[in-house]
Amino acid sequence: MHFAQSVEEVLEFAEKARANSANGNLYVSQSEMAPDEVFFGDEDTGRGNAHQLFSILLETSQGSIFYNYHFLQPFDLEDVNEILDQIESFYPKSVLDKKELDVKLEQLERA
């Protein structure tokens, strides 16, 4: 399994695999991460934005690629979603919860 440095790298991988007629599936998962900082305050003090983790796994007959994207605001996902739409035009997308994705990643690491 390859670990991507960007979502664009996942798209490149998908385009190459598709050009070679590889079968595959796109898996995505989104989860909230615990904030790194401790908040002290009263009931009037607002909590900061929760860190989110958006994970992308593309599993094909020619290999797999994985990418984690950390973000704070939903609008941070706009560019990622545009690229995912392109990948989804090649491979069907399934939404997994964090545990399901962890199991799938563990299976790939064992293979």
C-alpha atoms as a PDB file:
ATOM      1  CA  MET A   1       0.000   0.000   0.000  1.00  0.00           C
ATOM      2  CA  HIS A   2       1.245   3.469  -0.914  1.00  0.00           C
ATOM      3  CA  PHE A   3       0.754   6.460   1.411  1.00  0.00           C
ATOM      4  CA  ALA A   4      -0.086   9.615  -0.532  1.00  0.00           C
ATOM      5  CA  GLN A   5       1.157  13.089   0.349  1.00  0.00           C
ATOM      6  CA  SER A   6      -1.831  14.816  -1.277  1.00  0.00           C
ATOM      7  CA  VAL A   7      -5.274  14.101  -2.647  1.00  0.00           C
ATOM      8  CA  GLU A   8      -3.919  14.982  -6.104  1.00  0.00           C
ATOM      9  CA  GLU A   9      -1.554  12.024  -5.762  1.00  0.00           C
ATOM     10  CA  VAL A  10      -4.564   9.769  -5.134  1.00  0.00           C
ATOM     11  CA  LEU A  11      -6.156  11.135  -8.325  1.00  0.00           C
ATOM     12  CA  GLU A  12      -2.971  10.414 -10.315  1.00  0.00           C
ATOM     13  CA  PHE A  13      -2.933   6.867  -8.977  1.00  0.00           C
ATOM     14  CA  ALA A  14      -6.617   6.432  -9.907  1.00  0.00           C
ATOM     15  CA  GLU A  15      -6.059   7.741 -13.430  1.00  0.00           C
ATOM     16  CA  LYS A  16      -3.128   5.376 -14.031  1.00  0.00           C
ATOM     17  CA  ALA A  17      -5.001   2.393 -12.612  1.00  0.00           C
ATOM     18  CA  ARG A  18      -8.066   3.205 -14.705  1.00  0.00           C
ATOM     19  CA  ALA A  19      -5.914   3.567 -17.841  1.00  0.00           C
ATOM     20  CA  ASN A  20      -4.678   0.026 -17.175  1.00  0.00           C
ATOM     21  CA  SER A  21      -8.270  -1.237 -16.771  1.00  0.00           C
ATOM     22  CA  ALA A  22      -7.817  -1.963 -13.071  1.00  0.00           C
ATOM     23  CA  ASN A  23     -10.915  -2.746 -11.030  1.00  0.00           C
ATOM     24  CA  GLY A  24     -11.259  -1.062  -7.679  1.00  0.00           C
ATOM     25  CA  ASN A  25     -13.184   0.647  -4.932  1.00  0.00           C
ATOM     26  CA  LEU A  26     -12.922   4.030  -3.269  1.00  0.00           C
ATOM     27  CA  TYR A  27     -13.451   4.155   0.489  1.00  0.00           C
ATOM     28  CA  VAL A  28     -13.831   7.327   2.532  1.00  0.00           C
ATOM     29  CA  SER A  29     -14.212   7.972   6.232  1.00  0.00           C
ATOM     30  CA  GLN A  30     -14.577  11.096   8.333  1.00  0.00           C
ATOM     31  CA  SER A  31     -14.013  11.303  12.071  1.00  0.00           C
ATOM     32  CA  GLU A  32     -13.531  13.921  14.741  1.00  0.00           C
ATOM     33  CA  MET A  33     -10.231  14.056  16.562  1.00  0.00           C
ATOM     34  CA  ALA A  34      -9.744  15.191  20.145  1.00  0.00           C
ATOM     35  CA  PRO A  35      -8.373  18.724  20.266  1.00  0.00           C
ATOM     36  CA  ASP A  36      -4.696  19.046  21.161  1.00  0.00           C
ATOM     37  CA  GLU A  37      -5.309  21.940  23.460  1.00  0.00           C
ATOM     38  CA  VAL A  38      -7.080  22.149  26.815  1.00  0.00           C
ATOM     39  CA  PHE A  39      -9.798  24.761  27.111  1.00  0.00           C
ATOM     40  CA  PHE A  40     -10.394  26.568  30.384  1.00  0.00           C
ATOM     41  CA  GLY A  41     -13.240  28.966  30.718  1.00  0.00           C
ATOM     42  CA  ASP A  42     -16.777  29.432  31.783  1.00  0.00           C
ATOM     43  CA  GLU A  43     -20.021  28.668  30.013  1.00  0.00           C
ATOM     44  CA  ASP A  44     -19.635  31.845  27.920  1.00  0.00           C
ATOM     45  CA  THR A  45     -16.307  30.748  26.503  1.00  0.00           C
ATOM     46  CA  GLY A  46     -16.742  29.133  23.110  1.00  0.00           C
ATOM     47  CA  ARG A  47     -15.048  25.870  22.278  1.00  0.00           C
ATOM     48  CA  GLY A  48     -12.649  25.906  19.355  1.00  0.00           C
ATOM     49  CA  ASN A  49     -13.386  24.034  16.166  1.00  0.00           C
ATOM     50  CA  ALA A  50     -12.908  20.304  16.432  1.00  0.00           C
ATOM     51  CA  HIS A  51     -10.176  18.806  14.311  1.00  0.00           C
ATOM     52  CA  GLN A  52     -11.560  16.492  11.652  1.00  0.00           C
ATOM     53  CA  LEU A  53      -9.835  13.663   9.838  1.00  0.00           C
ATOM     54  CA  PHE A  54     -10.970  12.714   6.348  1.00  0.00           C
ATOM     55  CA  SER A  55      -9.441   9.431   5.164  1.00  0.00           C
ATOM     56  CA  ILE A  56      -9.328   8.208   1.573  1.00  0.00           C
ATOM     57  CA  LEU A  57      -8.457   4.666   0.530  1.00  0.00           C
ATOM     58  CA  LEU A  58      -8.399   3.596  -3.095  1.00  0.00           C
ATOM     59  CA  GLU A  59      -8.049  -0.149  -3.453  1.00  0.00           C
ATOM     60  CA  THR A  60      -7.465  -1.451  -6.991  1.00  0.00           C
ATOM     61  CA  SER A  61      -6.362  -4.665  -8.629  1.00  0.00           C
ATOM     62  CA  GLN A  62      -3.042  -2.888  -9.293  1.00  0.00           C
ATOM     63  CA  GLY A  63      -2.414  -1.766  -5.721  1.00  0.00           C
ATOM     64  CA  SER A  64      -3.777   0.593  -3.091  1.00  0.00           C
ATOM     65  CA  ILE A  65      -3.198   4.154  -1.975  1.00  0.00           C
ATOM     66  CA  PHE A  66      -4.173   5.849   1.290  1.00  0.00           C
ATOM     67  CA  TYR A  67      -4.375   9.510   2.295  1.00  0.00           C
ATOM     68  CA  ASN A  68      -5.391  11.338   5.494  1.00  0.00           C
ATOM     69  CA  TYR A  69      -6.573  14.930   5.298  1.00  0.00           C
ATOM     70  CA  HIS A  70      -6.786  16.997   8.503  1.00  0.00           C
ATOM     71  CA  PHE A  71      -9.138  19.973   8.551  1.00  0.00           C
ATOM     72  CA  LEU A  72     -11.064  22.304  10.835  1.00  0.00           C
ATOM     73  CA  GLN A  73     -13.893  23.781   8.761  1.00  0.00           C
ATOM     74  CA  PRO A  74     -16.270  21.992   6.371  1.00  0.00           C
ATOM     75  CA  PHE A  75     -15.362  24.426   3.574  1.00  0.00           C
ATOM     76  CA  ASP A  76     -11.786  23.073   3.829  1.00  0.00           C
ATOM     77  CA  LEU A  77     -13.111  19.943   2.107  1.00  0.00           C
ATOM     78  CA  GLU A  78     -14.336  21.697  -1.045  1.00  0.00           C
ATOM     79  CA  ASP A  79     -11.188  21.058  -3.096  1.00  0.00           C
ATOM     80  CA  VAL A  80     -10.908  17.498  -1.794  1.00  0.00           C
ATOM     81  CA  ASN A  81     -14.521  16.787  -2.754  1.00  0.00           C
ATOM     82  CA  GLU A  82     -13.956  18.075  -6.292  1.00  0.00           C
ATOM     83  CA  ILE A  83     -11.069  15.633  -6.718  1.00  0.00           C
ATOM     84  CA  LEU A  84     -13.045  12.818  -5.093  1.00  0.00           C
ATOM     85  CA  ASP A  85     -15.823  13.384  -7.628  1.00  0.00           C
ATOM     86  CA  GLN A  86     -13.282  12.740 -10.402  1.00  0.00           C
ATOM     87  CA  ILE A  87     -12.033   9.559  -8.717  1.00  0.00           C
ATOM     88  CA  GLU A  88     -15.614   8.437  -8.126  1.00  0.00           C
ATOM     89  CA  SER A  89     -16.227   8.664 -11.871  1.00  0.00           C
ATOM     90  CA  PHE A  90     -13.682   5.803 -12.186  1.00  0.00           C
ATOM     91  CA  TYR A  91     -14.437   3.747  -9.070  1.00  0.00           C
ATOM     92  CA  PRO A  92     -17.520   3.313  -6.865  1.00  0.00           C
ATOM     93  CA  LYS A  93     -17.373   5.054  -3.485  1.00  0.00           C
ATOM     94  CA  SER A  94     -18.320   3.561  -0.121  1.00  0.00           C
ATOM     95  CA  VAL A  95     -18.479   5.496   3.129  1.00  0.00           C
ATOM     96  CA  LEU A  96     -17.010   3.622   6.088  1.00  0.00           C
ATOM     97  CA  ASP A  97     -16.860   4.467   9.751  1.00  0.00           C
ATOM     98  CA  LYS A  98     -13.438   4.690  11.382  1.00  0.00           C
ATOM     99  CA  LYS A  99     -13.489   1.089  12.687  1.00  0.00           C
ATOM    100  CA  GLU A 100     -14.440  -0.346   9.299  1.00  0.00           C
ATOM    101  CA  LEU A 101     -11.665   1.626   7.610  1.00  0.00           C
ATOM    102  CA  ASP A 102      -9.133   0.518  10.240  1.00  0.00           C
ATOM    103  CA  VAL A 103     -10.054  -3.132   9.585  1.00  0.00           C
ATOM    104  CA  LYS A 104      -9.667  -2.646   5.820  1.00  0.00           C
ATOM    105  CA  LEU A 105      -6.258  -0.972   6.296  1.00  0.00           C
ATOM    106  CA  GLU A 106      -5.134  -3.782   8.593  1.00  0.00           C
ATOM    107  CA  GLN A 107      -6.119  -6.360   5.963  1.00  0.00           C
ATOM    108  CA  LEU A 108      -4.110  -4.517   3.305  1.00  0.00           C
ATOM    109  CA  GLU A 109      -1.058  -4.295   5.531  1.00  0.00           C
ATOM    110  CA  ARG A 110      -1.143  -8.069   6.114  1.00  0.00           C
ATOM    111  CA  ALA A 111      -1.430  -8.861   2.399  1.00  0.00           C
END
